[in-house]
């Protein structure tokens, strides 16, 4: 899911390109993550992106016992972003909800 959020791509494709193909390019080291970032993500820090990429790779480890738990993933993301549980709560501003509605409509 982190990979989908970074790239803006769905886990499936109506065409011949499956998510496994585009994900595989990154996971095998064939394409840098920064080249796959969703173009609507206009502001991000390269070092944070690389650290999130490392979490993505941990999550898809072929050995399930080596994959992090969700608790560990959340801890990594809190450390990387500096956003704690309180900062992750959606704002109650009507403008925020209106923007969210517009974005979700555009994505459909």
N, C-alpha and C. Protein backbone atom coordinates (compact mmCIF):
# COMPACT_ATOMS: atom_id res chain seq x y z
N UNK A 1 0.82 -1.18 0.00
CA UNK A 1 0.00 0.00 0.00
C UNK A 1 0.88 1.26 0.00
N UNK A 2 1.98 1.23 0.72
CA UNK A 2 2.89 2.38 0.69
C UNK A 2 3.36 2.68 -0.72
N UNK A 3 3.67 1.64 -1.45
CA UNK A 3 4.15 1.81 -2.82
C UNK A 3 3.07 2.45 -3.68
N UNK A 4 1.83 2.02 -3.49
CA UNK A 4 0.72 2.58 -4.24
C UNK A 4 0.52 4.05 -3.89
N UNK A 5 0.70 4.40 -2.62
CA UNK A 5 0.53 5.79 -2.21
C UNK A 5 1.62 6.68 -2.82
N UNK A 6 2.84 6.18 -2.87
CA UNK A 6 3.96 6.95 -3.42
C UNK A 6 3.83 7.11 -4.93
N UNK A 7 3.42 6.05 -5.62
CA UNK A 7 3.39 6.08 -7.08
C UNK A 7 2.06 6.59 -7.64
N UNK A 8 1.00 6.48 -6.85
CA UNK A 8 -0.32 6.87 -7.33
C UNK A 8 -0.94 5.85 -8.27
N UNK A 9 -0.35 4.67 -8.33
CA UNK A 9 -0.86 3.63 -9.22
C UNK A 9 -1.70 2.63 -8.44
N UNK A 10 -2.74 2.13 -9.09
CA UNK A 10 -3.59 1.11 -8.49
C UNK A 10 -2.86 -0.23 -8.49
N UNK A 11 -3.31 -1.14 -7.63
CA UNK A 11 -2.65 -2.44 -7.57
C UNK A 11 -2.92 -3.32 -8.78
N UNK A 12 -3.75 -2.83 -9.69
CA UNK A 12 -4.06 -3.59 -10.90
C UNK A 12 -4.16 -2.61 -12.05
N UNK A 13 -4.11 -3.13 -13.24
CA UNK A 13 -4.19 -2.28 -14.42
C UNK A 13 -5.12 -2.91 -15.43
N UNK A 14 -5.92 -2.09 -16.09
CA UNK A 14 -6.83 -2.60 -17.12
C UNK A 14 -6.05 -3.06 -18.35
N UNK A 15 -4.89 -2.48 -18.58
CA UNK A 15 -4.06 -2.85 -19.72
C UNK A 15 -3.18 -4.04 -19.39
N UNK A 16 -2.14 -4.20 -20.18
CA UNK A 16 -1.25 -5.34 -19.99
C UNK A 16 -0.24 -5.12 -18.88
N UNK A 17 -0.10 -3.88 -18.41
CA UNK A 17 0.86 -3.57 -17.35
C UNK A 17 0.27 -3.93 -15.99
N UNK A 18 0.78 -4.94 -15.35
CA UNK A 18 0.29 -5.27 -14.01
C UNK A 18 1.14 -4.54 -12.99
N UNK A 19 0.61 -4.41 -11.77
CA UNK A 19 1.35 -3.73 -10.71
C UNK A 19 2.65 -4.47 -10.43
N UNK A 20 2.63 -5.77 -10.62
CA UNK A 20 3.84 -6.54 -10.37
C UNK A 20 4.96 -6.09 -11.30
N UNK A 21 4.61 -5.73 -12.54
CA UNK A 21 5.62 -5.27 -13.50
C UNK A 21 6.24 -3.96 -13.06
N UNK A 22 5.39 -2.95 -12.74
CA UNK A 22 5.95 -1.66 -12.38
C UNK A 22 6.60 -1.71 -11.02
N UNK A 23 6.09 -2.50 -10.11
CA UNK A 23 6.71 -2.64 -8.79
C UNK A 23 8.03 -3.38 -8.90
N UNK A 24 8.07 -4.38 -9.76
CA UNK A 24 9.28 -5.19 -9.91
C UNK A 24 10.46 -4.35 -10.39
N UNK A 25 10.18 -3.38 -11.27
CA UNK A 25 11.25 -2.49 -11.76
C UNK A 25 11.96 -1.81 -10.60
N UNK A 26 11.18 -1.34 -9.64
CA UNK A 26 11.79 -0.68 -8.48
C UNK A 26 12.44 -1.69 -7.54
N UNK A 27 11.74 -2.75 -7.24
CA UNK A 27 12.21 -3.71 -6.24
C UNK A 27 13.50 -4.41 -6.65
N UNK A 28 13.70 -4.61 -7.93
CA UNK A 28 14.94 -5.27 -8.37
C UNK A 28 16.05 -4.25 -8.62
N UNK A 29 15.75 -2.97 -8.39
CA UNK A 29 16.77 -1.93 -8.54
C UNK A 29 16.87 -1.36 -9.93
N UNK A 30 15.90 -1.68 -10.81
CA UNK A 30 15.95 -1.22 -12.19
C UNK A 30 15.48 0.20 -12.39
N UNK A 31 14.74 0.74 -11.44
CA UNK A 31 14.23 2.10 -11.59
C UNK A 31 14.22 2.78 -10.22
N UNK A 32 14.79 3.97 -10.11
CA UNK A 32 14.77 4.68 -8.83
C UNK A 32 13.34 5.06 -8.43
N UNK A 33 13.06 5.01 -7.15
CA UNK A 33 11.72 5.33 -6.66
C UNK A 33 11.34 6.76 -7.03
N UNK A 34 12.28 7.69 -7.02
CA UNK A 34 11.95 9.09 -7.33
C UNK A 34 11.39 9.25 -8.74
N UNK A 35 11.73 8.33 -9.64
CA UNK A 35 11.20 8.39 -11.00
C UNK A 35 9.79 7.81 -11.10
N UNK A 36 9.34 7.18 -10.02
CA UNK A 36 8.02 6.56 -10.02
C UNK A 36 7.01 7.34 -9.18
N UNK A 37 7.45 8.42 -8.55
CA UNK A 37 6.60 9.19 -7.65
C UNK A 37 5.42 9.78 -8.42
N UNK A 38 4.26 9.71 -7.80
CA UNK A 38 3.05 10.31 -8.36
C UNK A 38 3.32 11.79 -8.63
N UNK A 39 3.08 12.26 -9.85
CA UNK A 39 3.36 13.66 -10.18
C UNK A 39 2.55 14.66 -9.37
N UNK A 40 1.46 14.22 -8.74
CA UNK A 40 0.69 15.14 -7.91
C UNK A 40 1.35 15.37 -6.56
N UNK A 41 2.34 14.55 -6.21
CA UNK A 41 3.13 14.78 -4.99
C UNK A 41 4.23 15.77 -5.35
N UNK A 42 3.92 17.04 -5.18
CA UNK A 42 4.84 18.07 -5.64
C UNK A 42 5.92 18.41 -4.62
N UNK A 43 5.68 18.10 -3.36
CA UNK A 43 6.66 18.42 -2.33
C UNK A 43 6.94 17.19 -1.48
N UNK A 44 8.16 16.74 -1.52
CA UNK A 44 8.60 15.66 -0.65
C UNK A 44 10.10 15.76 -0.51
N UNK A 45 10.60 15.14 0.54
CA UNK A 45 12.04 15.16 0.78
C UNK A 45 12.64 13.86 0.27
N UNK A 46 13.68 13.98 -0.52
CA UNK A 46 14.31 12.81 -1.14
C UNK A 46 14.76 11.79 -0.10
N UNK A 47 15.32 12.25 1.01
CA UNK A 47 15.79 11.30 2.02
C UNK A 47 14.62 10.53 2.64
N UNK A 48 13.49 11.21 2.85
CA UNK A 48 12.32 10.53 3.38
C UNK A 48 11.80 9.50 2.38
N UNK A 49 11.80 9.87 1.11
CA UNK A 49 11.35 8.96 0.06
C UNK A 49 12.20 7.69 0.06
N UNK A 50 13.51 7.86 0.16
CA UNK A 50 14.40 6.70 0.16
C UNK A 50 14.18 5.82 1.38
N UNK A 51 13.94 6.44 2.52
CA UNK A 51 13.69 5.67 3.75
C UNK A 51 12.36 4.93 3.67
N UNK A 52 11.35 5.56 3.07
CA UNK A 52 10.07 4.87 2.87
C UNK A 52 10.26 3.72 1.89
N UNK A 53 11.10 3.93 0.88
CA UNK A 53 11.43 2.85 -0.05
C UNK A 53 12.04 1.66 0.66
N UNK A 54 12.87 1.92 1.65
CA UNK A 54 13.47 0.83 2.43
C UNK A 54 12.39 0.07 3.21
N UNK A 55 11.40 0.79 3.73
CA UNK A 55 10.29 0.14 4.45
C UNK A 55 9.49 -0.71 3.47
N UNK A 56 9.25 -0.19 2.27
CA UNK A 56 8.52 -0.95 1.24
C UNK A 56 9.24 -2.26 0.97
N UNK A 57 10.54 -2.20 0.80
CA UNK A 57 11.31 -3.42 0.51
C UNK A 57 11.25 -4.40 1.68
N UNK A 58 11.26 -3.89 2.91
CA UNK A 58 11.14 -4.79 4.06
C UNK A 58 9.79 -5.50 4.05
N UNK A 59 8.74 -4.77 3.65
CA UNK A 59 7.37 -5.32 3.67
C UNK A 59 7.15 -6.42 2.64
N UNK A 60 7.95 -6.44 1.59
CA UNK A 60 7.77 -7.46 0.55
C UNK A 60 8.88 -8.51 0.57
N UNK A 61 9.56 -8.62 1.68
CA UNK A 61 10.61 -9.63 1.83
C UNK A 61 10.02 -11.00 1.50
N UNK A 62 10.69 -11.80 0.68
CA UNK A 62 10.17 -13.12 0.32
C UNK A 62 9.93 -14.03 1.54
N UNK A 63 10.67 -13.80 2.60
CA UNK A 63 10.50 -14.58 3.83
C UNK A 63 9.53 -13.85 4.75
N UNK A 64 8.31 -14.35 4.89
CA UNK A 64 7.31 -13.66 5.72
C UNK A 64 7.79 -13.39 7.15
N UNK A 65 8.65 -14.23 7.66
CA UNK A 65 9.14 -14.04 9.03
C UNK A 65 10.06 -12.83 9.14
N UNK A 66 10.61 -12.40 8.02
CA UNK A 66 11.51 -11.24 8.01
C UNK A 66 10.77 -9.92 7.78
N UNK A 67 9.47 -9.99 7.47
CA UNK A 67 8.70 -8.78 7.22
C UNK A 67 8.35 -8.10 8.54
N UNK A 68 8.30 -6.77 8.54
CA UNK A 68 7.93 -6.06 9.77
C UNK A 68 6.44 -6.21 10.07
N UNK A 69 6.11 -6.10 11.34
CA UNK A 69 4.70 -6.08 11.74
C UNK A 69 4.13 -4.69 11.40
N UNK A 70 2.82 -4.56 11.42
CA UNK A 70 2.22 -3.25 11.17
C UNK A 70 2.66 -2.24 12.23
N UNK A 71 2.83 -2.71 13.44
CA UNK A 71 3.31 -1.83 14.52
C UNK A 71 4.70 -1.29 14.16
N UNK A 72 5.55 -2.17 13.65
CA UNK A 72 6.90 -1.74 13.26
C UNK A 72 6.86 -0.79 12.06
N UNK A 73 5.99 -1.09 11.09
CA UNK A 73 5.84 -0.20 9.93
C UNK A 73 5.41 1.19 10.39
N UNK A 74 4.41 1.24 11.27
CA UNK A 74 3.94 2.53 11.79
C UNK A 74 5.04 3.27 12.52
N UNK A 75 5.83 2.54 13.31
CA UNK A 75 6.94 3.17 14.03
C UNK A 75 7.96 3.75 13.05
N UNK A 76 8.27 2.99 12.01
CA UNK A 76 9.21 3.49 10.98
C UNK A 76 8.66 4.75 10.33
N UNK A 77 7.38 4.74 9.97
CA UNK A 77 6.79 5.90 9.30
C UNK A 77 6.74 7.12 10.21
N UNK A 78 6.46 6.89 11.51
CA UNK A 78 6.47 8.01 12.46
C UNK A 78 7.88 8.60 12.55
N UNK A 79 8.87 7.74 12.59
CA UNK A 79 10.26 8.20 12.67
C UNK A 79 10.66 8.96 11.40
N UNK A 80 10.28 8.44 10.26
CA UNK A 80 10.65 9.05 8.98
C UNK A 80 9.97 10.40 8.78
N UNK A 81 8.68 10.45 9.04
CA UNK A 81 7.91 11.66 8.75
C UNK A 81 7.87 12.65 9.90
N UNK A 82 8.10 12.17 11.11
CA UNK A 82 7.99 13.04 12.27
C UNK A 82 6.54 13.34 12.62
N UNK A 83 5.62 12.57 12.06
CA UNK A 83 4.19 12.77 12.33
C UNK A 83 3.73 11.70 13.30
N UNK A 84 3.25 12.13 14.45
CA UNK A 84 2.71 11.20 15.44
C UNK A 84 1.23 10.99 15.23
N UNK A 85 0.61 10.19 16.08
CA UNK A 85 -0.83 9.92 15.94
C UNK A 85 -1.69 11.18 15.91
N UNK A 86 -1.35 12.18 16.73
CA UNK A 86 -2.16 13.40 16.75
C UNK A 86 -2.05 14.17 15.44
N UNK A 87 -0.89 14.18 14.84
CA UNK A 87 -0.70 14.89 13.58
C UNK A 87 -1.33 14.19 12.39
N UNK A 88 -1.65 12.91 12.56
CA UNK A 88 -2.23 12.14 11.47
C UNK A 88 -3.75 12.23 11.43
N UNK A 89 -4.34 12.84 12.43
CA UNK A 89 -5.80 12.96 12.48
C UNK A 89 -6.23 14.02 11.47
N UNK A 90 -7.21 13.69 10.61
CA UNK A 90 -7.68 14.67 9.63
C UNK A 90 -8.20 15.94 10.30
N UNK A 91 -7.96 17.04 9.66
CA UNK A 91 -8.43 18.33 10.16
C UNK A 91 -9.94 18.41 10.00
N UNK A 92 -10.58 19.12 10.90
CA UNK A 92 -12.03 19.21 10.87
C UNK A 92 -12.51 20.42 10.07
N UNK A 93 -11.62 21.09 9.39
CA UNK A 93 -11.98 22.24 8.59
C UNK A 93 -12.86 21.82 7.42
N UNK A 94 -13.95 22.56 7.16
CA UNK A 94 -14.80 22.26 6.00
C UNK A 94 -14.02 22.33 4.69
N UNK A 95 -13.03 23.22 4.61
CA UNK A 95 -12.24 23.32 3.39
C UNK A 95 -11.42 22.06 3.16
N UNK A 96 -10.92 21.48 4.24
CA UNK A 96 -10.14 20.25 4.12
C UNK A 96 -11.01 19.14 3.56
N UNK A 97 -12.22 19.01 4.09
CA UNK A 97 -13.14 17.96 3.62
C UNK A 97 -13.55 18.21 2.18
N UNK A 98 -13.74 19.47 1.79
CA UNK A 98 -14.10 19.80 0.41
C UNK A 98 -12.96 19.42 -0.53
N UNK A 99 -11.73 19.72 -0.13
CA UNK A 99 -10.58 19.36 -0.96
C UNK A 99 -10.46 17.85 -1.10
N UNK A 100 -10.68 17.13 0.00
CA UNK A 100 -10.63 15.67 -0.04
C UNK A 100 -11.69 15.12 -0.99
N UNK A 101 -12.88 15.69 -0.96
CA UNK A 101 -13.96 15.26 -1.85
C UNK A 101 -13.58 15.49 -3.32
N UNK A 102 -13.01 16.64 -3.61
CA UNK A 102 -12.59 16.95 -4.98
C UNK A 102 -11.53 15.96 -5.44
N UNK A 103 -10.54 15.72 -4.59
CA UNK A 103 -9.46 14.79 -4.96
C UNK A 103 -9.98 13.38 -5.18
N UNK A 104 -10.91 12.94 -4.34
CA UNK A 104 -11.42 11.58 -4.50
C UNK A 104 -12.28 11.46 -5.75
N UNK A 105 -12.98 12.53 -6.13
CA UNK A 105 -13.78 12.52 -7.35
C UNK A 105 -12.88 12.50 -8.57
N UNK A 106 -11.80 13.27 -8.54
CA UNK A 106 -10.86 13.31 -9.67
C UNK A 106 -10.17 11.97 -9.86
N UNK A 107 -9.94 11.25 -8.77
CA UNK A 107 -9.24 9.97 -8.85
C UNK A 107 -10.13 8.86 -9.41
N UNK A 108 -11.43 9.06 -9.36
CA UNK A 108 -12.36 8.02 -9.83
C UNK A 108 -12.44 7.94 -11.33
